[in-house]
Amino acid sequence: MNKCHFMGRLVRDPEIRYTQSDQPVPVAHYTLAIDRRIKRQGEPSADFLDFVAYGKAAEFTEKYLKKGIKVVVTARCQRRNYEKDGRKIYVIEFIIEDQEFAESKRAAEGEPESNDFMQIPDGEQDELPFN
C-alpha cells in the first residue's frame, strides 16, 4: 500500500497551474515544512517535502491554503524523471489524496483559542445527570 500521512506548514503560497488539454485541470504545487520528532544536533529540525494536488484538491488548495497554514495531508509517494540539458533528473513527490486543516483559523492567525463551552453556574454541578 502506498499511503503516507504528514502534518506541516506551507512554506510559501501554493503555485497553481492548469493542464494544456481540451478541458484544463487545475494542478497545485506546494512545499510543507514538517518538523522532525527527534532533533539531533547539527541536523535540520524539519524536512521540506513537495506535494502536488489535482482537480478538486487543487481547487481547495487555491481557495483556502496559503503560506504558514498548518495542514494534515494523506498522499501517495511517486517517483518520476525527466531530462534537462541531456541529464536525467529524478524527482520524488507526494500526490495528495486528502488534505485538511490541522488548526483553527484563529490559531493560524495567532489569536488565542477561546473556550466555547458553557460555564456551569456555581451550585448547579450536583444537579447534572453526569459527573
N, C-alpha and C. Protein backbone atom coordinates (compact mmCIF):
# COMPACT_ATOMS: atom_id res chain seq x y z
N MET A 1 0.86 -1.16 0.00
CA MET A 1 0.00 0.00 0.00
C MET A 1 0.91 1.23 0.00
N ASN A 2 0.62 2.17 -0.84
CA ASN A 2 1.41 3.40 -0.98
C ASN A 2 0.60 4.56 -0.40
N LYS A 3 0.71 4.80 0.92
CA LYS A 3 -0.06 5.86 1.57
C LYS A 3 0.79 6.45 2.68
N CYS A 4 0.92 7.76 2.67
CA CYS A 4 1.73 8.48 3.66
C CYS A 4 0.88 9.57 4.29
N HIS A 5 1.13 9.85 5.57
CA HIS A 5 0.44 10.92 6.29
C HIS A 5 1.47 11.92 6.79
N PHE A 6 1.17 13.21 6.61
CA PHE A 6 2.08 14.27 7.00
C PHE A 6 1.30 15.40 7.67
N MET A 7 1.99 16.12 8.56
CA MET A 7 1.44 17.33 9.12
C MET A 7 2.56 18.37 9.11
N GLY A 8 2.26 19.53 8.51
CA GLY A 8 3.26 20.57 8.45
C GLY A 8 2.66 21.89 8.00
N ARG A 9 3.53 22.88 7.87
CA ARG A 9 3.10 24.22 7.44
C ARG A 9 3.60 24.52 6.05
N LEU A 10 2.76 25.21 5.27
CA LEU A 10 3.17 25.64 3.94
C LEU A 10 4.29 26.68 4.07
N VAL A 11 5.36 26.50 3.31
CA VAL A 11 6.49 27.43 3.40
C VAL A 11 6.31 28.64 2.50
N ARG A 12 5.39 28.54 1.54
CA ARG A 12 5.05 29.67 0.67
C ARG A 12 3.66 29.42 0.10
N ASP A 13 3.09 30.43 -0.52
CA ASP A 13 1.77 30.26 -1.14
C ASP A 13 1.85 29.18 -2.22
N PRO A 14 0.78 28.39 -2.39
CA PRO A 14 0.78 27.34 -3.42
C PRO A 14 0.87 27.95 -4.82
N GLU A 15 1.45 27.18 -5.71
CA GLU A 15 1.55 27.57 -7.12
C GLU A 15 0.48 26.79 -7.88
N ILE A 16 -0.39 27.50 -8.59
CA ILE A 16 -1.50 26.86 -9.31
C ILE A 16 -1.26 27.00 -10.81
N ARG A 17 -1.41 25.90 -11.53
CA ARG A 17 -1.31 25.89 -12.99
C ARG A 17 -2.47 25.06 -13.53
N TYR A 18 -2.63 25.08 -14.83
CA TYR A 18 -3.68 24.30 -15.47
C TYR A 18 -3.08 23.47 -16.59
N THR A 19 -3.58 22.25 -16.78
CA THR A 19 -3.07 21.38 -17.84
C THR A 19 -3.42 21.96 -19.19
N GLN A 20 -2.65 21.59 -20.19
CA GLN A 20 -2.87 22.06 -21.56
C GLN A 20 -3.74 21.05 -22.32
N SER A 21 -4.94 20.85 -21.88
CA SER A 21 -5.85 19.90 -22.52
C SER A 21 -7.13 20.62 -22.93
N ASP A 22 -8.02 19.89 -23.62
CA ASP A 22 -9.29 20.48 -24.04
C ASP A 22 -10.09 20.99 -22.84
N GLN A 23 -10.06 20.25 -21.76
CA GLN A 23 -10.69 20.68 -20.52
C GLN A 23 -9.59 20.78 -19.46
N PRO A 24 -9.01 21.97 -19.29
CA PRO A 24 -7.88 22.14 -18.37
C PRO A 24 -8.22 21.70 -16.95
N VAL A 25 -7.28 21.01 -16.34
CA VAL A 25 -7.40 20.53 -14.97
C VAL A 25 -6.45 21.34 -14.10
N PRO A 26 -6.94 21.86 -12.96
CA PRO A 26 -6.03 22.60 -12.08
C PRO A 26 -5.02 21.66 -11.39
N VAL A 27 -3.80 22.16 -11.27
CA VAL A 27 -2.72 21.43 -10.61
C VAL A 27 -2.06 22.39 -9.62
N ALA A 28 -2.02 21.99 -8.36
CA ALA A 28 -1.42 22.85 -7.32
C ALA A 28 -0.14 22.19 -6.80
N HIS A 29 0.88 23.01 -6.62
CA HIS A 29 2.15 22.56 -6.04
C HIS A 29 2.41 23.36 -4.79
N TYR A 30 2.81 22.67 -3.71
CA TYR A 30 3.26 23.38 -2.53
C TYR A 30 4.26 22.54 -1.74
N THR A 31 5.00 23.23 -0.89
CA THR A 31 6.01 22.58 -0.05
C THR A 31 5.61 22.73 1.41
N LEU A 32 5.72 21.63 2.15
CA LEU A 32 5.44 21.65 3.58
C LEU A 32 6.74 21.53 4.36
N ALA A 33 6.83 22.30 5.43
CA ALA A 33 7.90 22.15 6.41
C ALA A 33 7.35 21.21 7.48
N ILE A 34 7.97 20.05 7.61
CA ILE A 34 7.49 19.03 8.53
C ILE A 34 8.53 18.83 9.62
N ASP A 35 8.15 19.16 10.86
CA ASP A 35 9.08 19.04 11.99
C ASP A 35 9.49 17.59 12.19
N ARG A 36 10.76 17.41 12.50
CA ARG A 36 11.26 16.08 12.86
C ARG A 36 10.98 15.83 14.33
N ARG A 37 10.59 14.63 14.65
CA ARG A 37 10.27 14.30 16.03
C ARG A 37 11.53 14.27 16.89
N ILE A 38 12.58 13.68 16.35
CA ILE A 38 13.86 13.62 17.06
C ILE A 38 14.79 14.61 16.38
N LYS A 39 15.28 15.55 17.18
CA LYS A 39 16.15 16.60 16.64
C LYS A 39 17.57 16.37 17.14
N ARG A 40 18.46 16.05 16.22
CA ARG A 40 19.86 15.81 16.57
C ARG A 40 20.68 17.06 16.28
N GLN A 41 21.64 17.30 17.13
CA GLN A 41 22.48 18.48 16.98
C GLN A 41 23.22 18.43 15.65
N GLY A 42 23.20 19.55 14.94
CA GLY A 42 23.88 19.65 13.66
C GLY A 42 23.04 19.23 12.48
N GLU A 43 21.85 18.69 12.73
CA GLU A 43 20.95 18.28 11.65
C GLU A 43 19.77 19.24 11.60
N PRO A 44 19.13 19.34 10.43
CA PRO A 44 17.95 20.21 10.34
C PRO A 44 16.84 19.72 11.27
N SER A 45 15.99 20.64 11.73
CA SER A 45 14.89 20.25 12.62
C SER A 45 13.60 19.99 11.85
N ALA A 46 13.64 20.21 10.53
CA ALA A 46 12.44 19.98 9.70
C ALA A 46 12.86 19.45 8.34
N ASP A 47 11.93 18.76 7.70
CA ASP A 47 12.11 18.32 6.32
C ASP A 47 11.17 19.14 5.45
N PHE A 48 11.58 19.40 4.22
CA PHE A 48 10.78 20.18 3.28
C PHE A 48 10.42 19.27 2.12
N LEU A 49 9.13 18.91 2.05
CA LEU A 49 8.66 17.96 1.05
C LEU A 49 7.68 18.63 0.09
N ASP A 50 7.74 18.19 -1.18
CA ASP A 50 6.90 18.75 -2.23
C ASP A 50 5.63 17.92 -2.42
N PHE A 51 4.51 18.62 -2.57
CA PHE A 51 3.21 17.97 -2.75
C PHE A 51 2.54 18.51 -4.01
N VAL A 52 1.73 17.64 -4.64
CA VAL A 52 1.00 18.01 -5.84
C VAL A 52 -0.45 17.60 -5.66
N ALA A 53 -1.37 18.51 -5.99
CA ALA A 53 -2.81 18.23 -5.91
C ALA A 53 -3.42 18.45 -7.29
N TYR A 54 -4.36 17.59 -7.66
CA TYR A 54 -5.04 17.70 -8.95
C TYR A 54 -6.53 17.88 -8.74
N GLY A 55 -7.20 18.49 -9.71
CA GLY A 55 -8.65 18.59 -9.72
C GLY A 55 -9.23 19.31 -8.53
N LYS A 56 -10.19 18.65 -7.85
CA LYS A 56 -10.88 19.27 -6.69
C LYS A 56 -9.91 19.62 -5.57
N ALA A 57 -8.92 18.75 -5.34
CA ALA A 57 -7.93 19.02 -4.29
C ALA A 57 -7.14 20.28 -4.63
N ALA A 58 -6.84 20.49 -5.90
CA ALA A 58 -6.12 21.70 -6.32
C ALA A 58 -7.00 22.93 -6.16
N GLU A 59 -8.30 22.80 -6.44
CA GLU A 59 -9.23 23.93 -6.26
C GLU A 59 -9.31 24.31 -4.78
N PHE A 60 -9.37 23.31 -3.89
CA PHE A 60 -9.38 23.56 -2.46
C PHE A 60 -8.10 24.28 -2.05
N THR A 61 -6.97 23.80 -2.55
CA THR A 61 -5.67 24.41 -2.25
C THR A 61 -5.65 25.87 -2.67
N GLU A 62 -6.11 26.14 -3.87
CA GLU A 62 -6.10 27.51 -4.40
C GLU A 62 -6.98 28.44 -3.56
N LYS A 63 -8.11 27.92 -3.12
CA LYS A 63 -9.08 28.75 -2.41
C LYS A 63 -8.72 28.98 -0.94
N TYR A 64 -8.17 27.98 -0.26
CA TYR A 64 -8.04 28.05 1.20
C TYR A 64 -6.62 28.05 1.77
N LEU A 65 -5.65 27.53 1.03
CA LEU A 65 -4.32 27.39 1.61
C LEU A 65 -3.40 28.54 1.24
N LYS A 66 -2.57 28.93 2.20
CA LYS A 66 -1.58 29.98 1.96
C LYS A 66 -0.39 29.74 2.89
N LYS A 67 0.64 30.50 2.70
CA LYS A 67 1.86 30.37 3.48
C LYS A 67 1.55 30.40 4.98
N GLY A 68 2.14 29.46 5.72
CA GLY A 68 2.01 29.43 7.17
C GLY A 68 0.89 28.57 7.71
N ILE A 69 -0.06 28.19 6.87
CA ILE A 69 -1.19 27.38 7.33
C ILE A 69 -0.71 25.95 7.60
N LYS A 70 -1.19 25.40 8.71
CA LYS A 70 -0.84 24.04 9.10
C LYS A 70 -1.89 23.07 8.58
N VAL A 71 -1.45 22.03 7.85
CA VAL A 71 -2.37 21.07 7.26
C VAL A 71 -1.93 19.64 7.57
N VAL A 72 -2.90 18.74 7.48
CA VAL A 72 -2.64 17.31 7.53
C VAL A 72 -2.93 16.78 6.14
N VAL A 73 -1.98 16.03 5.59
CA VAL A 73 -2.09 15.56 4.21
C VAL A 73 -1.94 14.05 4.17
N THR A 74 -2.81 13.40 3.40
CA THR A 74 -2.64 12.00 3.06
C THR A 74 -2.28 11.97 1.59
N ALA A 75 -1.18 11.28 1.27
CA ALA A 75 -0.68 11.29 -0.10
C ALA A 75 -0.04 9.96 -0.45
N ARG A 76 0.20 9.77 -1.72
CA ARG A 76 0.97 8.61 -2.18
C ARG A 76 2.29 9.12 -2.73
N CYS A 77 3.32 8.38 -2.52
CA CYS A 77 4.66 8.77 -2.96
C CYS A 77 4.83 8.34 -4.42
N GLN A 78 5.39 9.23 -5.22
CA GLN A 78 5.59 8.94 -6.64
C GLN A 78 6.97 9.41 -7.07
N ARG A 79 7.64 8.59 -7.83
CA ARG A 79 8.95 8.95 -8.37
C ARG A 79 8.80 9.10 -9.87
N ARG A 80 9.32 10.20 -10.39
CA ARG A 80 9.29 10.42 -11.83
C ARG A 80 10.64 10.98 -12.25
N ASN A 81 10.88 10.97 -13.56
CA ASN A 81 12.12 11.54 -14.06
C ASN A 81 11.86 12.30 -15.35
N TYR A 82 12.77 13.19 -15.66
CA TYR A 82 12.73 13.94 -16.91
C TYR A 82 14.15 14.31 -17.30
N GLU A 83 14.32 14.74 -18.54
CA GLU A 83 15.65 15.13 -19.00
C GLU A 83 15.77 16.64 -19.08
N LYS A 84 16.92 17.13 -18.63
CA LYS A 84 17.21 18.56 -18.69
C LYS A 84 18.69 18.72 -19.04
N ASP A 85 18.95 19.41 -20.12
CA ASP A 85 20.32 19.61 -20.59
C ASP A 85 21.06 18.29 -20.77
N GLY A 86 20.35 17.27 -21.26
CA GLY A 86 20.97 15.97 -21.51
C GLY A 86 21.18 15.12 -20.28
N ARG A 87 20.77 15.61 -19.12
CA ARG A 87 20.90 14.85 -17.88
C ARG A 87 19.52 14.36 -17.44
N LYS A 88 19.49 13.20 -16.86
CA LYS A 88 18.24 12.66 -16.34
C LYS A 88 18.07 13.15 -14.90
N ILE A 89 16.95 13.80 -14.61
CA ILE A 89 16.64 14.33 -13.29
C ILE A 89 15.56 13.45 -12.67
N TYR A 90 15.79 13.00 -11.43
CA TYR A 90 14.83 12.19 -10.70
C TYR A 90 14.17 13.04 -9.62
N VAL A 91 12.85 12.91 -9.51
CA VAL A 91 12.08 13.70 -8.56
C VAL A 91 11.17 12.76 -7.77
N ILE A 92 11.14 12.97 -6.45
CA ILE A 92 10.17 12.27 -5.61
C ILE A 92 9.17 13.32 -5.13
N GLU A 93 7.90 13.05 -5.38
CA GLU A 93 6.86 13.98 -4.95
C GLU A 93 5.71 13.18 -4.36
N PHE A 94 4.86 13.89 -3.64
CA PHE A 94 3.73 13.26 -2.98
C PHE A 94 2.45 13.77 -3.61
N ILE A 95 1.64 12.84 -4.13
CA ILE A 95 0.38 13.18 -4.79
C ILE A 95 -0.72 13.14 -3.73
N ILE A 96 -1.38 14.28 -3.54
CA ILE A 96 -2.37 14.44 -2.48
C ILE A 96 -3.64 13.66 -2.78
N GLU A 97 -4.05 12.88 -1.79
CA GLU A 97 -5.33 12.18 -1.85
C GLU A 97 -6.35 12.86 -0.96
N ASP A 98 -5.87 13.43 0.16
CA ASP A 98 -6.75 14.12 1.10
C ASP A 98 -5.94 15.16 1.84
N GLN A 99 -6.56 16.30 2.15
CA GLN A 99 -5.89 17.35 2.92
C GLN A 99 -6.93 18.07 3.75
N GLU A 100 -6.52 18.48 4.95
CA GLU A 100 -7.43 19.19 5.83
C GLU A 100 -6.64 20.10 6.76
N PHE A 101 -7.32 21.04 7.35
CA PHE A 101 -6.67 21.97 8.26
C PHE A 101 -6.27 21.24 9.54
N ALA A 102 -5.11 21.62 10.11
CA ALA A 102 -4.64 21.00 11.34
C ALA A 102 -4.81 21.92 12.54
N GLU A 103 -5.31 23.12 12.32
CA GLU A 103 -5.57 24.06 13.41
C GLU A 103 -6.69 24.99 12.99
N SER A 104 -7.25 25.66 13.97
CA SER A 104 -8.35 26.59 13.68
C SER A 104 -7.82 27.83 12.98
N LYS A 105 -8.72 28.56 12.38
CA LYS A 105 -8.34 29.81 11.72
C LYS A 105 -7.77 30.80 12.73
N ARG A 106 -8.35 30.83 13.93
CA ARG A 106 -7.84 31.72 14.99
C ARG A 106 -6.39 31.41 15.34
N ALA A 107 -6.10 30.13 15.51
CA ALA A 107 -4.74 29.74 15.86
C ALA A 107 -3.77 30.07 14.74
N ALA A 108 -4.21 29.87 13.50
CA ALA A 108 -3.36 30.17 12.35
C ALA A 108 -3.04 31.66 12.26
N GLU A 109 -3.96 32.50 12.72
CA GLU A 109 -3.76 33.95 12.68
C GLU A 109 -3.11 34.47 13.95
N GLY A 110 -2.74 33.56 14.87
CA GLY A 110 -2.04 33.96 16.08
C GLY A 110 -2.94 34.42 17.21
N GLU A 111 -4.24 34.26 17.05
CA GLU A 111 -5.17 34.65 18.12
C GLU A 111 -5.29 33.50 19.12
N PRO A 112 -5.51 33.80 20.39
CA PRO A 112 -5.68 32.72 21.37
C PRO A 112 -6.97 31.95 21.12
N GLU A 113 -6.91 30.65 21.40
CA GLU A 113 -8.10 29.81 21.27
C GLU A 113 -9.10 30.19 22.35
N SER A 114 -10.36 30.23 22.01
CA SER A 114 -11.38 30.52 23.02
C SER A 114 -12.00 29.20 23.47
N ASN A 115 -12.47 29.17 24.69
CA ASN A 115 -13.15 28.01 25.21
C ASN A 115 -14.64 28.25 24.99
N ASP A 116 -15.20 27.60 23.98
CA ASP A 116 -16.59 27.84 23.60
C ASP A 116 -17.58 27.02 24.42
N PHE A 117 -17.12 26.33 25.48
CA PHE A 117 -18.03 25.56 26.32
C PHE A 117 -18.74 26.49 27.30
N MET A 118 -19.98 26.15 27.56
CA MET A 118 -20.77 26.94 28.50
C MET A 118 -20.25 26.73 29.92
N GLN A 119 -20.15 27.79 30.67
CA GLN A 119 -19.73 27.70 32.06
C GLN A 119 -20.92 27.30 32.92
N ILE A 120 -20.72 26.33 33.81
CA ILE A 120 -21.79 25.86 34.68
C ILE A 120 -21.81 26.74 35.92
N PRO A 121 -22.96 27.33 36.22
CA PRO A 121 -23.05 28.19 37.40
C PRO A 121 -22.78 27.42 38.68
N ASP A 122 -22.28 28.13 39.70
CA ASP A 122 -22.00 27.51 41.00
C ASP A 122 -23.27 26.89 41.56
N GLY A 123 -23.12 25.72 42.13
CA GLY A 123 -24.26 25.05 42.76
C GLY A 123 -25.05 24.17 41.80
N GLU A 124 -24.88 24.33 40.51
CA GLU A 124 -25.63 23.55 39.53
C GLU A 124 -24.94 22.22 39.21
N GLN A 125 -23.68 22.09 39.56
CA GLN A 125 -22.89 20.90 39.23
C GLN A 125 -23.56 19.63 39.77
N ASP A 126 -24.11 19.68 40.98
CA ASP A 126 -24.71 18.50 41.61
C ASP A 126 -26.00 18.09 40.92
N GLU A 127 -26.64 18.98 40.19
CA GLU A 127 -27.91 18.68 39.53
C GLU A 127 -27.74 17.98 38.18
N LEU A 128 -26.53 17.93 37.66
CA LEU A 128 -26.29 17.34 36.34
C LEU A 128 -26.38 15.83 36.43
N PRO A 129 -26.91 15.16 35.37
CA PRO A 129 -27.06 13.70 35.38
C PRO A 129 -25.73 12.97 35.18
N PHE A 130 -24.66 13.69 34.97
CA PHE A 130 -23.34 13.07 34.78
C PHE A 130 -22.30 13.86 35.56
N ASN A 131 -21.25 13.22 35.98
CA ASN A 131 -20.15 13.88 36.72
C ASN A 131 -18.83 13.35 36.26
